[in-house]
Amino acid sequence: MLINMKEMQLQKFEQLAEKIMAEPEKYCIFDSVSDFYKASWLNDFPKATIWSATGLDNGADEFYAKIEYKDRYISISSEGTLRVSYGIRK
């Protein structure tokens, strides 16, 4: 049996994306950008995953984050309403 590590890592990212989208309040409520970067669940993503976040500092109410692995991504935004989306770049 041949194991495709790339496919396994993509599946891992997709599974975590599904968990986050199913329960965004569990994963995506932060008081500061620093809280986002300290979230332990970020370490569950494949090793080459990158993430960035902005907002909430200096009295801002908005929060934006993007988590990316290869051509897959999760976008998180909170502008009064929490929104989480998953996509594949073309």
PDB file of N, CA and C in Angstrom:
ATOM      1  N   MET A   1       0.844  -1.175   0.000  1.00  0.00           N
ATOM      2  CA  MET A   1       0.000   0.000   0.000  1.00  0.00           C
ATOM      3  C   MET A   1       0.892   1.242   0.000  1.00  0.00           C
ATOM      4  N   LEU A   2       0.654   2.118  -0.938  1.00  0.00           N
ATOM      5  CA  LEU A   2       1.424   3.344  -1.071  1.00  0.00           C
ATOM      6  C   LEU A   2       0.699   4.481  -0.348  1.00  0.00           C
ATOM      7  N   ILE A   3       1.402   5.181   0.502  1.00  0.00           N
ATOM      8  CA  ILE A   3       0.814   6.285   1.256  1.00  0.00           C
ATOM      9  C   ILE A   3       1.214   7.595   0.590  1.00  0.00           C
ATOM     10  N   ASN A   4       0.235   8.389   0.262  1.00  0.00           N
ATOM     11  CA  ASN A   4       0.479   9.690  -0.344  1.00  0.00           C
ATOM     12  C   ASN A   4       0.444  10.741   0.769  1.00  0.00           C
ATOM     13  N   MET A   5       1.614  11.164   1.221  1.00  0.00           N
ATOM     14  CA  MET A   5       1.699  12.100   2.349  1.00  0.00           C
ATOM     15  C   MET A   5       1.052  13.445   2.026  1.00  0.00           C
ATOM     16  N   LYS A   6       1.220  13.908   0.797  1.00  0.00           N
ATOM     17  CA  LYS A   6       0.614  15.184   0.412  1.00  0.00           C
ATOM     18  C   LYS A   6      -0.905  15.117   0.552  1.00  0.00           C
ATOM     19  N   GLU A   7      -1.487  14.036   0.076  1.00  0.00           N
ATOM     20  CA  GLU A   7      -2.938  13.865   0.168  1.00  0.00           C
ATOM     21  C   GLU A   7      -3.381  13.757   1.628  1.00  0.00           C
ATOM     22  N   MET A   8      -2.604  13.069   2.442  1.00  0.00           N
ATOM     23  CA  MET A   8      -2.937  12.951   3.869  1.00  0.00           C
ATOM     24  C   MET A   8      -2.928  14.317   4.550  1.00  0.00           C
ATOM     25  N   GLN A   9      -1.952  15.155   4.220  1.00  0.00           N
ATOM     26  CA  GLN A   9      -1.867  16.487   4.815  1.00  0.00           C
ATOM     27  C   GLN A   9      -3.028  17.368   4.354  1.00  0.00           C
ATOM     28  N   LEU A  10      -3.407  17.255   3.083  1.00  0.00           N
ATOM     29  CA  LEU A  10      -4.567  18.008   2.583  1.00  0.00           C
ATOM     30  C   LEU A  10      -5.837  17.567   3.306  1.00  0.00           C
ATOM     31  N   GLN A  11      -5.987  16.271   3.511  1.00  0.00           N
ATOM     32  CA  GLN A  11      -7.151  15.757   4.232  1.00  0.00           C
ATOM     33  C   GLN A  11      -7.163  16.253   5.670  1.00  0.00           C
ATOM     34  N   LYS A  12      -6.014  16.292   6.296  1.00  0.00           N
ATOM     35  CA  LYS A  12      -5.914  16.793   7.671  1.00  0.00           C
ATOM     36  C   LYS A  12      -6.369  18.248   7.734  1.00  0.00           C
ATOM     37  N   PHE A  13      -5.905  19.066   6.783  1.00  0.00           N
ATOM     38  CA  PHE A  13      -6.312  20.467   6.736  1.00  0.00           C
ATOM     39  C   PHE A  13      -7.825  20.575   6.539  1.00  0.00           C
ATOM     40  N   GLU A  14      -8.364  19.802   5.612  1.00  0.00           N
ATOM     41  CA  GLU A  14      -9.801  19.839   5.331  1.00  0.00           C
ATOM     42  C   GLU A  14     -10.620  19.405   6.539  1.00  0.00           C
ATOM     43  N   GLN A  15     -10.166  18.387   7.252  1.00  0.00           N
ATOM     44  CA  GLN A  15     -10.880  17.927   8.442  1.00  0.00           C
ATOM     45  C   GLN A  15     -10.908  19.005   9.520  1.00  0.00           C
ATOM     46  N   LEU A  16      -9.790  19.678   9.719  1.00  0.00           N
ATOM     47  CA  LEU A  16      -9.749  20.760  10.705  1.00  0.00           C
ATOM     48  C   LEU A  16     -10.620  21.927  10.259  1.00  0.00           C
ATOM     49  N   ALA A  17     -10.623  22.219   8.971  1.00  0.00           N
ATOM     50  CA  ALA A  17     -11.485  23.282   8.447  1.00  0.00           C
ATOM     51  C   ALA A  17     -12.949  22.957   8.725  1.00  0.00           C
ATOM     52  N   GLU A  18     -13.341  21.710   8.516  1.00  0.00           N
ATOM     53  CA  GLU A  18     -14.715  21.288   8.782  1.00  0.00           C
ATOM     54  C   GLU A  18     -15.070  21.453  10.257  1.00  0.00           C
ATOM     55  N   LYS A  19     -14.151  21.085  11.153  1.00  0.00           N
ATOM     56  CA  LYS A  19     -14.396  21.243  12.589  1.00  0.00           C
ATOM     57  C   LYS A  19     -14.602  22.708  12.952  1.00  0.00           C
ATOM     58  N   ILE A  20     -13.767  23.573  12.406  1.00  0.00           N
ATOM     59  CA  ILE A  20     -13.856  25.004  12.707  1.00  0.00           C
ATOM     60  C   ILE A  20     -15.152  25.580  12.161  1.00  0.00           C
ATOM     61  N   MET A  21     -15.529  25.198  10.957  1.00  0.00           N
ATOM     62  CA  MET A  21     -16.757  25.723  10.365  1.00  0.00           C
ATOM     63  C   MET A  21     -17.994  25.190  11.084  1.00  0.00           C
ATOM     64  N   ALA A  22     -17.926  23.985  11.632  1.00  0.00           N
ATOM     65  CA  ALA A  22     -19.055  23.405  12.356  1.00  0.00           C
ATOM     66  C   ALA A  22     -19.277  24.081  13.707  1.00  0.00           C
ATOM     67  N   GLU A  23     -18.205  24.538  14.343  1.00  0.00           N
ATOM     68  CA  GLU A  23     -18.294  25.176  15.659  1.00  0.00           C
ATOM     69  C   GLU A  23     -17.415  26.423  15.712  1.00  0.00           C
ATOM     70  N   PRO A  24     -17.701  27.437  14.904  1.00  0.00           N
ATOM     71  CA  PRO A  24     -16.815  28.607  14.865  1.00  0.00           C
ATOM     72  C   PRO A  24     -16.678  29.320  16.210  1.00  0.00           C
ATOM     73  N   GLU A  25     -17.729  29.310  17.018  1.00  0.00           N
ATOM     74  CA  GLU A  25     -17.655  29.985  18.318  1.00  0.00           C
ATOM     75  C   GLU A  25     -16.646  29.313  19.240  1.00  0.00           C
ATOM     76  N   LYS A  26     -16.412  28.031  19.040  1.00  0.00           N
ATOM     77  CA  LYS A  26     -15.446  27.293  19.856  1.00  0.00           C
ATOM     78  C   LYS A  26     -14.010  27.667  19.486  1.00  0.00           C
ATOM     79  N   TYR A  27     -13.790  28.005  18.223  1.00  0.00           N
ATOM     80  CA  TYR A  27     -12.438  28.228  17.723  1.00  0.00           C
ATOM     81  C   TYR A  27     -12.097  29.682  17.409  1.00  0.00           C
ATOM     82  N   CYS A  28     -13.073  30.514  17.160  1.00  0.00           N
ATOM     83  CA  CYS A  28     -12.804  31.805  16.523  1.00  0.00           C
ATOM     84  C   CYS A  28     -13.218  33.032  17.321  1.00  0.00           C
ATOM     85  N   ILE A  29     -13.314  32.936  18.612  1.00  0.00           N
ATOM     86  CA  ILE A  29     -13.622  34.095  19.447  1.00  0.00           C
ATOM     87  C   ILE A  29     -12.336  34.503  20.163  1.00  0.00           C
ATOM     88  N   PHE A  30     -11.878  35.717  19.861  1.00  0.00           N
ATOM     89  CA  PHE A  30     -10.613  36.197  20.420  1.00  0.00           C
ATOM     90  C   PHE A  30     -10.787  37.613  20.947  1.00  0.00           C
ATOM     91  N   ASP A  31     -10.033  37.939  21.996  1.00  0.00           N
ATOM     92  CA  ASP A  31     -10.017  39.300  22.525  1.00  0.00           C
ATOM     93  C   ASP A  31      -8.913  40.133  21.899  1.00  0.00           C
ATOM     94  N   SER A  32      -7.936  39.460  21.303  1.00  0.00           N
ATOM     95  CA  SER A  32      -6.825  40.168  20.671  1.00  0.00           C
ATOM     96  C   SER A  32      -6.217  39.279  19.589  1.00  0.00           C
ATOM     97  N   VAL A  33      -5.445  39.893  18.715  1.00  0.00           N
ATOM     98  CA  VAL A  33      -4.730  39.126  17.692  1.00  0.00           C
ATOM     99  C   VAL A  33      -3.766  38.149  18.371  1.00  0.00           C
ATOM    100  N   SER A  34      -3.183  38.572  19.460  1.00  0.00           N
ATOM    101  CA  SER A  34      -2.271  37.711  20.209  1.00  0.00           C
ATOM    102  C   SER A  34      -2.966  36.417  20.643  1.00  0.00           C
ATOM    103  N   ASP A  35      -4.241  36.513  21.043  1.00  0.00           N
ATOM    104  CA  ASP A  35      -4.991  35.312  21.426  1.00  0.00           C
ATOM    105  C   ASP A  35      -5.108  34.337  20.258  1.00  0.00           C
ATOM    106  N   PHE A  36      -5.309  34.870  19.057  1.00  0.00           N
ATOM    107  CA  PHE A  36      -5.371  34.003  17.873  1.00  0.00           C
ATOM    108  C   PHE A  36      -4.062  33.233  17.718  1.00  0.00           C
ATOM    109  N   TYR A  37      -2.945  33.945  17.768  1.00  0.00           N
ATOM    110  CA  TYR A  37      -1.645  33.300  17.568  1.00  0.00           C
ATOM    111  C   TYR A  37      -1.302  32.309  18.684  1.00  0.00           C
ATOM    112  N   LYS A  38      -1.930  32.448  19.841  1.00  0.00           N
ATOM    113  CA  LYS A  38      -1.704  31.526  20.957  1.00  0.00           C
ATOM    114  C   LYS A  38      -2.644  30.322  20.931  1.00  0.00           C
ATOM    115  N   ALA A  39      -3.614  30.306  20.017  1.00  0.00           N
ATOM    116  CA  ALA A  39      -4.599  29.218  19.971  1.00  0.00           C
ATOM    117  C   ALA A  39      -3.895  27.880  19.733  1.00  0.00           C
ATOM    118  N   SER A  40      -4.066  26.957  20.651  1.00  0.00           N
ATOM    119  CA  SER A  40      -3.368  25.667  20.560  1.00  0.00           C
ATOM    120  C   SER A  40      -3.798  24.857  19.339  1.00  0.00           C
ATOM    121  N   TRP A  41      -5.031  25.037  18.877  1.00  0.00           N
ATOM    122  CA  TRP A  41      -5.504  24.257  17.731  1.00  0.00           C
ATOM    123  C   TRP A  41      -4.772  24.607  16.438  1.00  0.00           C
ATOM    124  N   LEU A  42      -4.102  25.751  16.368  1.00  0.00           N
ATOM    125  CA  LEU A  42      -3.314  26.071  15.172  1.00  0.00           C
ATOM    126  C   LEU A  42      -2.213  25.035  14.954  1.00  0.00           C
ATOM    127  N   ASN A  43      -1.714  24.469  16.049  1.00  0.00           N
ATOM    128  CA  ASN A  43      -0.651  23.464  15.953  1.00  0.00           C
ATOM    129  C   ASN A  43      -1.139  22.126  15.402  1.00  0.00           C
ATOM    130  N   ASP A  44      -2.454  21.954  15.284  1.00  0.00           N
ATOM    131  CA  ASP A  44      -3.006  20.714  14.738  1.00  0.00           C
ATOM    132  C   ASP A  44      -2.949  20.671  13.212  1.00  0.00           C
ATOM    133  N   PHE A  45      -2.728  21.822  12.585  1.00  0.00           N
ATOM    134  CA  PHE A  45      -2.660  21.876  11.127  1.00  0.00           C
ATOM    135  C   PHE A  45      -1.348  21.270  10.639  1.00  0.00           C
ATOM    136  N   PRO A  46      -1.295  20.873   9.349  1.00  0.00           N
ATOM    137  CA  PRO A  46      -0.033  20.365   8.788  1.00  0.00           C
ATOM    138  C   PRO A  46       1.100  21.370   8.983  1.00  0.00           C
ATOM    139  N   LYS A  47       2.313  20.888   9.078  1.00  0.00           N
ATOM    140  CA  LYS A  47       3.478  21.715   9.418  1.00  0.00           C
ATOM    141  C   LYS A  47       3.715  22.897   8.488  1.00  0.00           C
ATOM    142  N   ALA A  48       3.390  22.802   7.236  1.00  0.00           N
ATOM    143  CA  ALA A  48       3.647  23.901   6.292  1.00  0.00           C
ATOM    144  C   ALA A  48       2.515  24.931   6.240  1.00  0.00           C
ATOM    145  N   THR A  49       1.545  24.813   7.129  1.00  0.00           N
ATOM    146  CA  THR A  49       0.422  25.755   7.162  1.00  0.00           C
ATOM    147  C   THR A  49       0.908  27.120   7.638  1.00  0.00           C
ATOM    148  N   ILE A  50       0.408  28.165   6.991  1.00  0.00           N
ATOM    149  CA  ILE A  50       0.725  29.530   7.428  1.00  0.00           C
ATOM    150  C   ILE A  50      -0.572  30.227   7.819  1.00  0.00           C
ATOM    151  N   TRP A  51      -0.460  31.165   8.750  1.00  0.00           N
ATOM    152  CA  TRP A  51      -1.638  31.912   9.171  1.00  0.00           C
ATOM    153  C   TRP A  51      -1.260  33.345   9.462  1.00  0.00           C
ATOM    154  N   SER A  52      -2.258  34.190   9.342  1.00  0.00           N
ATOM    155  CA  SER A  52      -2.070  35.605   9.650  1.00  0.00           C
ATOM    156  C   SER A  52      -3.386  36.150  10.189  1.00  0.00           C
ATOM    157  N   ALA A  53      -3.279  37.213  10.974  1.00  0.00           N
ATOM    158  CA  ALA A  53      -4.471  37.821  11.564  1.00  0.00           C
ATOM    159  C   ALA A  53      -4.248  39.309  11.749  1.00  0.00           C
ATOM    160  N   THR A  54      -5.345  40.037  11.737  1.00  0.00           N
ATOM    161  CA  THR A  54      -5.298  41.477  11.961  1.00  0.00           C
ATOM    162  C   THR A  54      -6.606  41.922  12.608  1.00  0.00           C
ATOM    163  N   GLY A  55      -6.567  43.073  13.243  1.00  0.00           N
ATOM    164  CA  GLY A  55      -7.760  43.619  13.883  1.00  0.00           C
ATOM    165  C   GLY A  55      -7.690  43.503  15.390  1.00  0.00           C
ATOM    166  N   LEU A  56      -8.748  43.927  16.043  1.00  0.00           N
ATOM    167  CA  LEU A  56      -8.956  43.851  17.490  1.00  0.00           C
ATOM    168  C   LEU A  56      -8.009  44.709  18.319  1.00  0.00           C
ATOM    169  N   ASP A  57      -6.903  45.130  17.778  1.00  0.00           N
ATOM    170  CA  ASP A  57      -5.981  45.938  18.562  1.00  0.00           C
ATOM    171  C   ASP A  57      -6.380  47.408  18.514  1.00  0.00           C
ATOM    172  N   ASN A  58      -5.970  48.148  19.498  1.00  0.00           N
ATOM    173  CA  ASN A  58      -6.249  49.584  19.577  1.00  0.00           C
ATOM    174  C   ASN A  58      -7.737  49.894  19.508  1.00  0.00           C
ATOM    175  N   GLY A  59      -8.549  49.070  20.159  1.00  0.00           N
ATOM    176  CA  GLY A  59      -9.979  49.334  20.247  1.00  0.00           C
ATOM    177  C   GLY A  59     -10.808  48.878  19.063  1.00  0.00           C
ATOM    178  N   ALA A  60     -10.210  48.233  18.082  1.00  0.00           N
ATOM    179  CA  ALA A  60     -10.964  47.767  16.911  1.00  0.00           C
ATOM    180  C   ALA A  60     -11.884  46.612  17.297  1.00  0.00           C
ATOM    181  N   ASP A  61     -13.064  46.573  16.696  1.00  0.00           N
ATOM    182  CA  ASP A  61     -14.012  45.489  16.937  1.00  0.00           C
ATOM    183  C   ASP A  61     -13.911  44.390  15.887  1.00  0.00           C
ATOM    184  N   GLU A  62     -13.260  44.679  14.771  1.00  0.00           N
ATOM    185  CA  GLU A  62     -13.175  43.720  13.678  1.00  0.00           C
ATOM    186  C   GLU A  62     -11.956  42.808  13.839  1.00  0.00           C
ATOM    187  N   PHE A  63     -12.115  41.597  13.306  1.00  0.00           N
ATOM    188  CA  PHE A  63     -11.031  40.626  13.334  1.00  0.00           C
ATOM    189  C   PHE A  63     -11.035  39.873  12.010  1.00  0.00           C
ATOM    190  N   TYR A  64      -9.859  39.689  11.440  1.00  0.00           N
ATOM    191  CA  TYR A  64      -9.714  38.943  10.193  1.00  0.00           C
ATOM    192  C   TYR A  64      -8.529  37.990  10.329  1.00  0.00           C
ATOM    193  N   ALA A  65      -8.704  36.775   9.849  1.00  0.00           N
ATOM    194  CA  ALA A  65      -7.604  35.808   9.863  1.00  0.00           C
ATOM    195  C   ALA A  65      -7.694  34.926   8.626  1.00  0.00           C
ATOM    196  N   LYS A  66      -6.552  34.464   8.200  1.00  0.00           N
ATOM    197  CA  LYS A  66      -6.490  33.524   7.081  1.00  0.00           C
ATOM    198  C   LYS A  66      -5.507  32.427   7.464  1.00  0.00           C
ATOM    199  N   ILE A  67      -5.914  31.198   7.223  1.00  0.00           N
ATOM    200  CA  ILE A  67      -5.092  30.025   7.477  1.00  0.00           C
ATOM    201  C   ILE A  67      -4.949  29.320   6.130  1.00  0.00           C
ATOM    202  N   GLU A  68      -3.705  29.085   5.703  1.00  0.00           N
ATOM    203  CA  GLU A  68      -3.481  28.548   4.360  1.00  0.00           C
ATOM    204  C   GLU A  68      -2.541  27.344   4.375  1.00  0.00           C
ATOM    205  N   TYR A  69      -2.888  26.371   3.557  1.00  0.00           N
ATOM    206  CA  TYR A  69      -2.021  25.213   3.320  1.00  0.00           C
ATOM    207  C   TYR A  69      -2.128  24.849   1.844  1.00  0.00           C
ATOM    208  N   LYS A  70      -1.017  24.953   1.140  1.00  0.00           N
ATOM    209  CA  LYS A  70      -0.981  24.713  -0.309  1.00  0.00           C
ATOM    210  C   LYS A  70      -2.029  25.608  -0.974  1.00  0.00           C
ATOM    211  N   ASP A  71      -3.003  25.017  -1.684  1.00  0.00           N
ATOM    212  CA  ASP A  71      -4.027  25.826  -2.350  1.00  0.00           C
ATOM    213  C   ASP A  71      -5.319  25.925  -1.543  1.00  0.00           C
ATOM    214  N   ARG A  72      -5.324  25.412  -0.311  1.00  0.00           N
ATOM    215  CA  ARG A  72      -6.513  25.448   0.550  1.00  0.00           C
ATOM    216  C   ARG A  72      -6.408  26.612   1.524  1.00  0.00           C
ATOM    217  N   TYR A  73      -7.553  27.160   1.913  1.00  0.00           N
ATOM    218  CA  TYR A  73      -7.523  28.245   2.893  1.00  0.00           C
ATOM    219  C   TYR A  73      -8.814  28.298   3.704  1.00  0.00           C
ATOM    220  N   ILE A  74      -8.699  28.871   4.874  1.00  0.00           N
ATOM    221  CA  ILE A  74      -9.826  29.178   5.741  1.00  0.00           C
ATOM    222  C   ILE A  74      -9.760  30.675   5.998  1.00  0.00           C
ATOM    223  N   SER A  75     -10.866  31.359   5.794  1.00  0.00           N
ATOM    224  CA  SER A  75     -10.954  32.786   6.110  1.00  0.00           C
ATOM    225  C   SER A  75     -11.889  32.950   7.293  1.00  0.00           C
ATOM    226  N   ILE A  76     -11.466  33.753   8.243  1.00  0.00           N
ATOM    227  CA  ILE A  76     -12.266  34.034   9.432  1.00  0.00           C
ATOM    228  C   ILE A  76     -12.429  35.542   9.512  1.00  0.00           C
ATOM    229  N   SER A  77     -13.657  35.994   9.686  1.00  0.00           N
ATOM    230  CA  SER A  77     -13.874  37.426   9.878  1.00  0.00           C
ATOM    231  C   SER A  77     -14.952  37.624  10.932  1.00  0.00           C
ATOM    232  N   SER A  78     -14.765  38.651  11.702  1.00  0.00           N
ATOM    233  CA  SER A  78     -15.746  39.024  12.708  1.00  0.00           C
ATOM    234  C   SER A  78     -15.930  40.527  12.633  1.00  0.00           C
ATOM    235  N   GLU A  79     -17.041  40.916  12.050  1.00  0.00           N
ATOM    236  CA  GLU A  79     -17.402  42.328  11.921  1.00  0.00           C
ATOM    237  C   GLU A  79     -18.796  42.494  12.506  1.00  0.00           C
ATOM    238  N   GLY A  80     -18.958  42.060  13.732  1.00  0.00           N
ATOM    239  CA  GLY A  80     -20.273  42.022  14.345  1.00  0.00           C
ATOM    240  C   GLY A  80     -20.894  40.638  14.200  1.00  0.00           C
ATOM    241  N   THR A  81     -20.629  39.987  13.086  1.00  0.00           N
ATOM    242  CA  THR A  81     -21.072  38.620  12.826  1.00  0.00           C
ATOM    243  C   THR A  81     -19.847  37.778  12.493  1.00  0.00           C
ATOM    244  N   LEU A  82     -19.755  36.627  13.110  1.00  0.00           N
ATOM    245  CA  LEU A  82     -18.629  35.724  12.868  1.00  0.00           C
ATOM    246  C   LEU A  82     -18.872  34.941  11.582  1.00  0.00           C
ATOM    247  N   ARG A  83     -17.900  34.986  10.680  1.00  0.00           N
ATOM    248  CA  ARG A  83     -17.996  34.254   9.413  1.00  0.00           C
ATOM    249  C   ARG A  83     -16.721  33.436   9.211  1.00  0.00           C
ATOM    250  N   VAL A  84     -16.918  32.184   8.840  1.00  0.00           N
ATOM    251  CA  VAL A  84     -15.797  31.301   8.535  1.00  0.00           C
ATOM    252  C   VAL A  84     -16.085  30.659   7.184  1.00  0.00           C
ATOM    253  N   SER A  85     -15.115  30.718   6.293  1.00  0.00           N
ATOM    254  CA  SER A  85     -15.295  30.088   4.985  1.00  0.00           C
ATOM    255  C   SER A  85     -14.048  29.285   4.630  1.00  0.00           C
ATOM    256  N   TYR A  86     -14.262  28.296   3.788  1.00  0.00           N
ATOM    257  CA  TYR A  86     -13.197  27.410   3.324  1.00  0.00           C
ATOM    258  C   TYR A  86     -13.164  27.495   1.808  1.00  0.00           C
ATOM    259  N   GLY A  87     -11.970  27.483   1.245  1.00  0.00           N
ATOM    260  CA  GLY A  87     -11.887  27.552  -0.204  1.00  0.00           C
ATOM    261  C   GLY A  87     -10.631  26.910  -0.746  1.00  0.00           C
ATOM    262  N   ILE A  88     -10.627  26.783  -2.069  1.00  0.00           N
ATOM    263  CA  ILE A  88      -9.475  26.261  -2.798  1.00  0.00           C
ATOM    264  C   ILE A  88      -9.122  27.281  -3.868  1.00  0.00           C
ATOM    265  N   ARG A  89      -7.881  27.767  -3.821  1.00  0.00           N
ATOM    266  CA  ARG A  89      -7.430  28.718  -4.841  1.00  0.00           C
ATOM    267  C   ARG A  89      -7.265  28.001  -6.166  1.00  0.00           C
ATOM    268  N   LYS A  90      -7.563  28.697  -7.223  1.00  0.00           N
ATOM    269  CA  LYS A  90      -7.420  28.110  -8.570  1.00  0.00           C
ATOM    270  C   LYS A  90      -6.123  28.511  -9.194  1.00  0.00           C
TER     271      LYS A  90
END
